[in-house]
Protein backbone atom coordinates (compact mmCIF):
# COMPACT_ATOMS: atom_id res chain seq x y z
CA MET A 1 -11.40 6.44 16.59
CA PHE A 2 -7.74 7.30 16.09
CA SER A 3 -5.28 4.89 17.75
CA ASP A 4 -1.56 5.41 17.63
CA LYS A 5 -0.23 3.22 20.32
CA VAL A 6 -1.11 -0.41 21.12
CA ILE A 7 0.39 -3.51 22.77
CA ILE A 8 -0.07 -6.83 20.88
CA PHE A 9 0.95 -10.43 21.40
CA VAL A 10 2.18 -12.29 18.33
CA LYS A 11 2.61 -16.08 18.11
CA ALA A 12 4.01 -17.88 15.16
CA GLY A 13 2.54 -21.30 14.38
CA SER A 14 4.11 -24.45 15.85
CA GLY A 15 5.30 -27.19 13.50
CA GLY A 16 3.34 -30.40 13.17
CA ASP A 17 4.56 -33.63 14.75
CA GLY A 18 6.13 -36.31 12.64
CA ALA A 19 4.04 -39.48 12.31
CA VAL A 20 4.78 -42.96 13.68
CA SER A 21 3.32 -45.34 11.08
CA PHE A 22 4.07 -48.59 9.31
CA ARG A 23 3.09 -49.79 5.85
CA ARG A 24 0.05 -52.03 6.03
CA GLU A 25 -0.96 -53.70 2.81
CA ARG A 26 -2.30 -57.03 1.71
CA HIS A 27 0.44 -59.70 1.23
CA ILE A 28 2.94 -57.38 2.87
CA PRO A 29 2.79 -58.47 6.58
CA LYS A 30 5.87 -56.58 7.60
CA GLY A 31 5.85 -53.22 5.86
CA GLY A 32 8.53 -50.80 6.76
CA PRO A 33 8.04 -47.36 8.50
CA ASP A 34 6.09 -44.79 6.38
CA GLY A 35 5.41 -41.89 8.82
CA GLY A 36 5.46 -38.54 7.08
CA ASP A 37 6.84 -35.25 8.37
CA GLY A 38 4.93 -32.46 10.10
CA GLY A 39 4.21 -29.19 8.28
CA LYS A 40 6.05 -26.00 9.18
CA GLY A 41 4.23 -23.44 11.39
CA GLY A 42 3.23 -20.12 9.82
CA ASP A 43 5.35 -17.04 10.16
CA VAL A 44 4.22 -13.68 11.40
CA TYR A 45 4.99 -10.59 9.30
CA ILE A 46 4.36 -6.96 9.83
CA GLU A 47 3.81 -4.99 6.58
CA VAL A 48 3.28 -1.30 5.85
CA ASP A 49 -0.06 -0.78 4.10
CA SER A 50 -0.99 2.49 2.44
CA HIS A 51 -4.62 1.94 3.10
CA THR A 52 -4.17 1.47 6.83
CA LYS A 53 -4.16 4.89 8.69
CA THR A 54 -4.37 3.89 12.43
CA LEU A 55 -3.70 0.93 14.71
CA ILE A 56 -7.35 0.64 15.79
CA GLN A 57 -7.79 -2.86 14.27
CA LEU A 58 -4.98 -4.21 16.47
CA TYR A 59 -6.38 -2.30 19.55
CA ARG A 60 -9.51 -4.37 19.08
CA LYS A 61 -7.79 -7.63 18.33
CA PRO A 62 -4.35 -7.65 20.07
CA HIS A 63 -3.65 -11.40 19.98
CA CYS A 64 -2.21 -12.29 16.60
CA LYS A 65 -1.57 -15.93 15.85
CA ALA A 66 -0.40 -17.75 12.72
CA GLU A 67 -1.60 -21.26 11.74
CA HIS A 68 0.06 -24.36 13.21
CA GLY A 69 1.49 -26.88 10.73
CA ASP A 70 -0.50 -30.11 10.25
CA HIS A 71 0.85 -33.40 11.70
CA GLY A 72 2.43 -36.01 9.42
CA LYS A 73 0.45 -39.09 8.36
CA GLY A 74 1.04 -42.57 7.16
CA GLN A 75 2.06 -43.53 3.67
CA LYS A 76 4.81 -40.85 3.85
CA LYS A 77 2.24 -38.04 3.74
CA ASN A 78 3.62 -34.79 5.04
CA GLY A 79 1.56 -32.33 6.92
CA LYS A 80 0.42 -29.13 5.43
CA ASP A 81 2.39 -25.96 6.31
CA GLY A 82 0.58 -23.37 8.46
CA GLN A 83 -0.59 -20.17 6.71
CA ASP A 84 1.49 -17.09 7.44
CA LEU A 85 -0.05 -14.09 9.20
CA ILE A 86 0.45 -10.57 7.80
CA ILE A 87 -0.24 -7.66 10.20
CA LYS A 88 -1.05 -4.44 8.31
CA VAL A 89 0.29 -1.21 9.87
CA PRO A 90 0.48 2.42 8.72
CA ALA A 91 3.72 4.02 7.53
CA GLY A 92 5.52 5.37 10.42
CA THR A 93 4.94 2.57 12.90
CA VAL A 94 7.73 1.83 15.35
CA VAL A 95 7.92 -1.82 16.53
CA GLU A 96 9.35 -2.45 19.97
CA ASP A 97 10.03 -5.72 21.78
CA LEU A 98 8.71 -5.03 25.25
CA GLU A 99 10.58 -7.98 26.98
CA LYS A 100 13.98 -7.15 25.62
CA GLU A 101 13.30 -3.39 25.65
CA ARG A 102 14.64 -2.80 22.14
CA ILE A 103 13.39 -1.32 18.92
CA ILE A 104 13.01 -3.99 16.25
CA ALA A 105 12.11 -1.83 13.33
CA ASP A 106 11.05 1.74 12.32
CA LEU A 107 8.63 1.15 9.47
CA ALA A 108 8.88 4.50 7.77
CA GLU A 109 9.17 3.26 4.13
CA PRO A 110 6.04 2.43 2.13
CA GLU A 111 5.33 -1.27 1.45
CA ARG A 112 8.09 -2.46 3.78
CA LYS A 113 7.63 -6.02 5.20
CA ILE A 114 9.50 -7.63 8.02
CA LEU A 115 9.54 -11.12 9.61
CA ILE A 116 8.61 -10.61 13.29
CA ALA A 117 8.07 -14.19 14.58
CA LYS A 118 9.29 -17.36 12.89
CA GLY A 119 7.11 -20.50 12.72
CA GLY A 120 8.39 -23.77 14.15
CA SER A 121 9.78 -26.39 11.86
CA GLY A 122 7.86 -29.56 11.40
CA GLY A 123 8.99 -32.84 13.11
CA LYS A 124 10.38 -35.76 11.16
CA GLY A 125 8.35 -38.87 10.70
CA ASN A 126 9.62 -42.30 11.69
CA TYR A 127 10.40 -42.93 8.00
CA ARG A 128 13.34 -40.54 8.39
CA PHE A 129 14.95 -42.53 11.26
CA ARG A 130 15.16 -45.93 9.55
CA ASN A 131 18.69 -47.32 8.94
CA SER A 132 20.37 -50.75 8.75
CA GLN A 133 20.50 -51.13 12.56
CA ARG A 134 17.13 -49.45 13.32
CA GLN A 135 14.75 -50.92 10.78
CA THR A 136 11.56 -50.37 12.72
CA PRO A 137 11.82 -47.07 14.49
CA ARG A 138 8.81 -46.51 16.73
CA PHE A 139 9.45 -42.83 17.40
CA ALA A 140 9.15 -39.55 15.54
CA GLN A 141 10.23 -35.96 16.03
CA LYS A 142 7.85 -33.43 17.56
CA GLY A 143 7.19 -30.16 15.82
CA GLU A 144 9.05 -27.07 17.10
CA LYS A 145 7.11 -24.33 18.86
CA GLY A 146 6.65 -21.02 17.05
CA GLU A 147 8.16 -17.85 18.41
CA GLU A 148 6.10 -15.60 20.81
CA LEU A 149 6.61 -11.89 21.30
CA LYS A 150 5.04 -9.09 23.19
CA LEU A 151 5.29 -5.96 21.13
CA LYS A 152 4.47 -2.28 21.48
CA LEU A 153 3.51 -0.58 18.25
CA ASN A 154 3.94 3.25 18.28
CA LEU A 155 2.67 5.21 15.31
CA LYS A 156 4.47 8.48 14.39
CA LEU A 157 2.77 10.11 11.44
CA ILE A 158 4.98 10.84 8.37
CA ALA A 159 4.40 14.35 7.20
CA ASP A 160 6.63 16.87 5.48
CA ALA A 161 5.32 19.76 7.54
CA GLY A 162 3.39 20.12 10.77
CA LEU A 163 1.05 22.79 12.09
CA VAL A 164 1.68 23.73 15.69
CA GLY A 165 0.10 26.44 17.97
CA PHE A 166 -2.45 26.99 20.76
CA PRO A 167 -5.92 25.64 20.32
CA ASN A 168 -8.22 27.82 18.10
CA ALA A 169 -5.32 29.57 16.46
CA GLY A 170 -6.72 28.31 13.11
CA LYS A 171 -4.59 25.33 12.36
CA SER A 172 -7.57 23.10 11.37
CA THR A 173 -9.05 25.87 9.25
CA LEU A 174 -5.78 26.27 7.38
CA LEU A 175 -5.47 22.66 6.70
CA SER A 176 -9.07 22.34 5.33
CA ARG A 177 -8.32 25.37 3.04
CA VAL A 178 -5.05 24.14 1.55
CA SER A 179 -5.96 20.34 1.31
CA ALA A 180 -8.87 18.03 1.00
CA ALA A 181 -8.74 17.15 4.70
CA LYS A 182 -11.90 17.78 6.71
CA PRO A 183 -10.99 18.23 10.36
CA LYS A 184 -13.65 19.18 12.87
CA ILE A 185 -13.73 22.98 13.31
CA ALA A 186 -15.34 24.92 16.20
CA ASP A 187 -14.75 27.94 18.41
CA TYR A 188 -14.00 26.01 21.59
CA PRO A 189 -10.62 24.64 22.77
CA PHE A 190 -9.55 21.14 21.81
CA THR A 191 -11.89 20.90 18.91
CA THR A 192 -9.40 18.76 17.14
CA MET A 193 -8.91 15.54 19.13
CA GLU A 194 -6.77 13.73 16.75
CA PRO A 195 -4.08 14.43 14.12
CA TYR A 196 -5.17 15.09 10.58
CA LEU A 197 -3.08 14.77 7.41
CA GLY A 198 -3.73 16.66 4.13
CA VAL A 199 -1.89 16.72 0.81
CA VAL A 200 -1.14 20.27 -0.20
CA LYS A 201 -0.82 20.83 -3.94
CA VAL A 202 1.83 23.43 -4.75
CA ASP A 203 1.59 23.31 -8.58
CA GLU A 204 0.85 20.69 -11.33
CA GLU A 205 3.89 18.52 -10.40
CA ASN A 206 4.74 19.27 -6.75
CA SER A 207 2.95 18.59 -3.43
CA PHE A 208 3.63 17.86 0.30
CA VAL A 209 1.94 16.32 3.29
CA LEU A 210 0.74 18.62 6.02
CA ALA A 211 -0.21 17.45 9.48
CA ASP A 212 -2.47 19.34 12.02
CA ILE A 213 -1.10 18.51 15.44
CA PRO A 214 -3.67 19.16 18.28
CA GLY A 215 -3.45 19.65 22.03
CA ILE A 216 -0.31 21.66 22.55
CA ILE A 217 -0.69 24.10 25.49
CA GLU A 218 1.57 25.10 28.36
CA GLY A 219 2.65 22.02 30.21
CA ALA A 220 1.90 19.62 27.26
CA HIS A 221 5.27 17.91 27.55
CA GLN A 222 4.15 16.95 31.12
CA GLY A 223 0.81 15.59 30.05
CA VAL A 224 -1.36 18.75 30.40
CA GLY A 225 -4.29 19.09 27.94
CA LEU A 226 -3.86 16.29 25.36
CA GLY A 227 -0.31 16.13 26.68
CA THR A 228 2.48 14.20 24.95
CA ARG A 229 0.08 11.93 23.10
CA PHE A 230 0.49 13.85 19.82
CA LEU A 231 3.77 15.68 20.21
CA LYS A 232 5.55 12.61 18.87
CA HIS A 233 3.78 12.96 15.50
CA ILE A 234 5.91 16.08 14.61
CA GLU A 235 9.22 14.27 15.19
CA ARG A 236 9.45 13.23 11.50
CA THR A 237 8.34 16.53 9.97
CA LYS A 238 10.95 18.60 8.05
CA VAL A 239 9.32 21.97 8.66
CA LEU A 240 7.04 23.27 11.44
CA ILE A 241 4.45 26.04 10.78
CA HIS A 242 3.83 27.91 14.04
CA ILE A 243 0.31 29.40 13.82
CA ILE A 244 -0.22 32.55 16.06
CA ASP A 245 -3.74 33.83 16.80
CA GLY A 246 -3.56 37.38 15.63
CA ALA A 247 -6.90 38.20 17.18
CA LYS A 248 -5.32 38.02 20.60
CA SER A 249 -3.36 41.19 19.87
CA ILE A 250 -6.66 43.15 19.83
CA ASN A 251 -7.58 42.66 23.45
CA GLN A 252 -4.34 41.31 25.06
CA GLY A 253 -1.64 43.12 23.14
CA ILE A 254 1.44 42.07 21.13
CA ASP A 255 3.39 41.04 24.19
CA ASP A 256 0.78 38.40 24.87
CA ILE A 257 0.86 36.78 21.35
CA TYR A 258 4.72 36.79 21.61
CA ASN A 259 4.42 34.97 24.97
CA ASP A 260 2.11 32.43 23.34
CA TYR A 261 4.79 31.91 20.76
CA LEU A 262 7.45 31.39 23.48
CA ILE A 263 5.23 28.91 25.45
CA ILE A 264 4.77 26.64 22.34
CA GLU A 265 8.51 26.79 21.49
CA ASN A 266 9.39 25.88 25.09
CA GLU A 267 7.01 22.93 25.00
CA LEU A 268 8.59 21.59 21.86
CA LYS A 269 12.11 22.09 23.38
CA ASN A 270 11.13 20.31 26.63
CA TYR A 271 9.64 17.35 24.77
CA ALA A 272 12.55 16.70 22.53
CA GLN A 273 15.69 18.56 21.54
CA ILE A 274 15.15 17.61 17.98
CA LEU A 275 11.95 19.71 17.78
CA GLU A 276 13.78 22.85 18.96
CA LYS A 277 16.30 22.55 16.08
CA LYS A 278 13.61 21.97 13.38
CA GLU A 279 13.07 24.55 10.59
CA LYS A 280 10.14 26.78 11.60
CA ILE A 281 7.95 29.28 9.76
CA ILE A 282 5.93 31.73 11.93
CA ALA A 283 2.52 32.70 10.56
CA VAL A 284 0.08 35.27 12.29
CA ASN A 285 -3.43 34.21 11.36
CA LYS A 286 -6.79 36.08 11.22
CA CYS A 287 -5.37 39.06 9.51
CA ASP A 288 -8.78 39.44 7.66
CA LEU A 289 -9.98 41.08 10.87
CA PRO A 290 -9.77 44.93 10.46
CA GLU A 291 -8.32 45.24 13.95
CA VAL A 292 -5.49 42.76 13.13
CA GLN A 293 -5.00 44.30 9.66
CA SER A 294 -4.35 47.64 11.22
CA ARG A 295 -1.63 46.29 13.54
CA LYS A 296 0.24 44.24 10.95
CA LYS A 297 3.11 46.65 10.64
CA GLU A 298 3.37 46.90 14.43
CA ILE A 299 3.35 43.14 14.95
CA LYS A 300 5.91 42.56 12.17
CA GLU A 301 8.38 45.08 13.67
CA TYR A 302 7.94 43.69 17.18
CA PHE A 303 8.83 40.18 16.01
CA LEU A 304 11.69 41.39 13.76
CA LYS A 305 13.29 43.10 16.80
CA LYS A 306 13.39 39.56 18.40
CA GLY A 307 14.96 38.20 15.17
CA ILE A 308 11.83 36.43 14.07
CA PRO A 309 10.33 37.04 10.49
CA VAL A 310 6.59 36.40 10.27
CA PHE A 311 4.00 35.76 7.59
CA PHE A 312 0.52 37.24 7.75
CA ILE A 313 -2.29 34.95 6.64
CA SER A 314 -5.98 34.41 6.84
CA ALA A 315 -7.14 30.88 6.80
CA VAL A 316 -10.69 32.13 6.20
CA SER A 317 -10.18 34.52 3.28
CA GLY A 318 -7.05 32.95 1.91
CA GLU A 319 -4.89 36.03 2.14
CA GLY A 320 -1.10 35.23 2.19
CA ILE A 321 -1.61 31.47 2.04
CA SER A 322 -0.01 31.06 -1.41
CA ASP A 323 3.18 32.75 -0.33
CA LEU A 324 3.28 30.66 2.88
CA ILE A 325 2.81 27.45 0.94
CA TYR A 326 5.64 28.24 -1.52
CA GLN A 327 7.85 29.21 1.35
CA VAL A 328 7.15 25.86 3.12
CA PHE A 329 7.66 23.86 -0.05
CA ASN A 330 11.06 25.59 -0.84
CA ARG A 331 12.33 24.75 2.67
CA ILE A 332 11.19 21.10 2.35
CA SER A 333 12.91 20.81 -0.99
CA PHE A 334 16.13 22.22 0.43
CA PHE A 335 15.96 19.77 3.30
CA ASP A 336 15.34 16.88 0.89
CA SER A 337 18.33 17.75 -1.29
CA GLN A 338 20.57 18.21 1.76
CA GLU A 339 19.49 14.86 3.20
CA LYS A 340 20.35 13.10 -0.09
CA GLU A 341 23.75 14.65 -0.24
CA GLU A 342 24.48 13.47 3.33
CA GLN A 343 23.20 9.92 2.60
CA SER A 344 25.42 9.77 -0.58
CA SER A 345 28.47 10.99 1.39
CA GLN A 346 27.89 8.50 4.11
CA GLN A 347 27.52 5.59 1.67
CA GLN A 348 30.89 6.58 -0.01
CA GLU A 349 32.68 6.80 3.35
CA LYS A 350 31.19 3.58 4.83
CA GLU A 351 33.37 0.48 4.43
CA GLU A 352 31.41 -2.66 5.00
CA ILE A 353 33.70 -5.12 6.72
CA SER A 354 32.28 -8.28 8.22
CA TYR A 355 33.92 -9.99 11.17
CA TYR A 356 33.37 -13.61 12.18
CA LYS A 357 32.44 -13.92 15.81
CA TYR A 358 32.60 -17.42 17.29
CA GLU A 359 29.72 -18.29 19.53
CA PRO A 360 29.46 -21.83 21.13
CA ASP A 361 26.45 -23.99 20.37
CA PHE A 362 25.82 -24.42 24.13
CA THR A 363 27.08 -23.37 27.48
CA VAL A 364 27.09 -25.33 30.83
CA LYS A 365 26.88 -23.77 34.29
CA LYS A 366 26.52 -25.36 37.72
CA GLN A 367 24.08 -24.07 40.34
CA GLY A 368 24.43 -26.11 43.50
CA GLY A 369 24.00 -29.72 42.54
CA LEU A 370 22.15 -28.85 39.25
CA PHE A 371 24.01 -28.67 35.88
CA ILE A 372 22.23 -26.26 33.51
CA VAL A 373 22.82 -26.61 29.72
CA GLU A 374 21.82 -23.54 27.65
CA GLY A 375 21.78 -23.24 23.85
CA SER A 376 19.08 -23.08 21.24
CA LYS A 377 20.13 -26.21 19.30
CA ILE A 378 20.42 -28.43 22.40
CA VAL A 379 17.07 -27.11 23.81
CA LYS A 380 15.43 -27.71 20.43
CA LEU A 381 16.84 -31.26 20.35
CA VAL A 382 15.47 -32.18 23.92
CA ASN A 383 12.05 -30.77 23.11
CA GLN A 384 11.62 -32.64 19.91
CA PHE A 385 11.72 -36.15 21.39
CA ASP A 386 9.61 -38.11 23.84
CA LEU A 387 12.32 -39.28 26.23
CA GLU A 388 9.90 -41.82 27.84
CA ASN A 389 10.20 -43.74 24.53
CA PRO A 390 13.15 -46.15 24.75
CA GLN A 391 14.11 -45.80 21.11
CA ALA A 392 13.73 -42.00 21.13
CA LEU A 393 15.80 -41.89 24.27
CA GLU A 394 18.52 -43.98 22.64
CA TYR A 395 18.64 -41.64 19.62
CA PHE A 396 18.64 -38.58 21.89
CA GLN A 397 21.62 -39.95 23.86
CA LYS A 398 23.66 -40.54 20.85
CA LYS A 399 22.99 -36.91 19.64
CA PHE A 400 23.69 -35.66 23.11
CA LYS A 401 27.10 -37.38 23.19
CA SER A 402 28.09 -36.41 19.62
CA SER A 403 27.18 -32.79 20.26
CA GLY A 404 29.96 -32.58 22.85
CA VAL A 405 27.67 -31.79 25.73
CA GLU A 406 28.39 -34.98 27.72
CA LYS A 407 32.15 -34.33 27.41
CA VAL A 408 31.80 -30.80 28.84
CA LEU A 409 29.57 -31.94 31.59
CA LEU A 410 32.19 -34.57 32.63
CA LYS A 411 34.81 -31.91 32.53
CA GLU A 412 32.73 -29.77 34.86
CA GLY A 413 32.67 -32.58 37.32
CA ILE A 414 29.32 -34.28 36.77
CA THR A 415 28.85 -37.78 38.13
CA ASP A 416 26.17 -40.38 37.64
CA GLY A 417 22.95 -39.45 39.41
CA ASP A 418 23.51 -35.71 39.20
CA LYS A 419 20.66 -33.64 37.76
CA VAL A 420 20.81 -32.00 34.39
CA LYS A 421 18.34 -29.25 33.12
CA ILE A 422 17.95 -28.47 29.52
CA GLY A 423 15.16 -25.97 28.71
CA GLU A 424 12.19 -26.95 30.77
CA LYS A 425 13.24 -30.58 31.23
CA THR A 426 15.18 -31.95 34.07
CA PHE A 427 16.68 -35.56 34.15
CA TYR A 428 19.38 -37.60 35.93
CA PHE A 429 22.75 -37.99 34.21
CA TYR A 430 24.21 -41.52 33.60
CA SER A 431 27.32 -41.75 31.30
């Protein structure tokens, strides 16, 4: 089964809680605090893997979770860090954050690896909170929660050239002849139900990747036939090979095969403007048939009058295929050299200047009688302590005041007894 689009849920591991523990040994009746720290939660990575060809493994298992960090223990023993999770995807996978509606990464380069969700940090044990005034801290820090994301993975195959044309024009037969790919071939429409990739060997040193894109008929850009499902796979190609069924000229005439050409071109244009501008090579297939062979000159002149040069090939006998392959490779090579020059020029012109942008650690806004404090650092602080514990509450209040939040709240007009909301916690304010 070929799967090129999937929605997954990723969750990094949460950090382990710090331990509340005191040293208990013979002849030492009042041992000090010795609670260890919690372990860090595992991160979630997405990595391009050359052996992975589809997203089917994620379609079957869409929930991806990294390990949580272990809790701290007594005797200053820190918890074990959670194991990272690496999600393997094919080259060409586009990663999109569904909630924020933004593209996170386009993983076109082989072996590329990105951090997608960061694991929570482990909480500090009570050993870390000891000082001259607080010699027996009876509280510890909770572990931080790992990041959670809902992602859409969209695979766009990476090929140098793509085969387009009506069903049964001979695209799959051509691919099987010029490469080791073995697509299903039959004489009925929509034989090919998924894209196939094949490596075409030009000579001893050079080769290129060719893709057979199925399902393009009139109305494909609106979902007719196999619809837009596979049109996206030719967006990355450098050259398109438009295969025309020459056998149709026998019964239907040259006007009809030209109309077939226009229909496919129109579908590419309506799907995306970038496809209309791509380099294209037109090949009339099935010229091994005597009836097509006798009309080659007539077909060639007809298309030349429209300003369209054509190749004549036979995917069955191999006639004209070598010339077609060399022509495709030359155009790919020209495109590659042009792209390298553009990239080199852009790098020379680009001046990397970094600007410092000040962003406050927190913001305060008032909604009715409720004061809402927002900011990742202050939310993290309030989530990491049990405010029911008197010592933890006292520690939190000192941090709350030193961070400047209390000062801003007073400036905004807060009075004792007013409600304050930080993250998911709501409490009453007392200066």
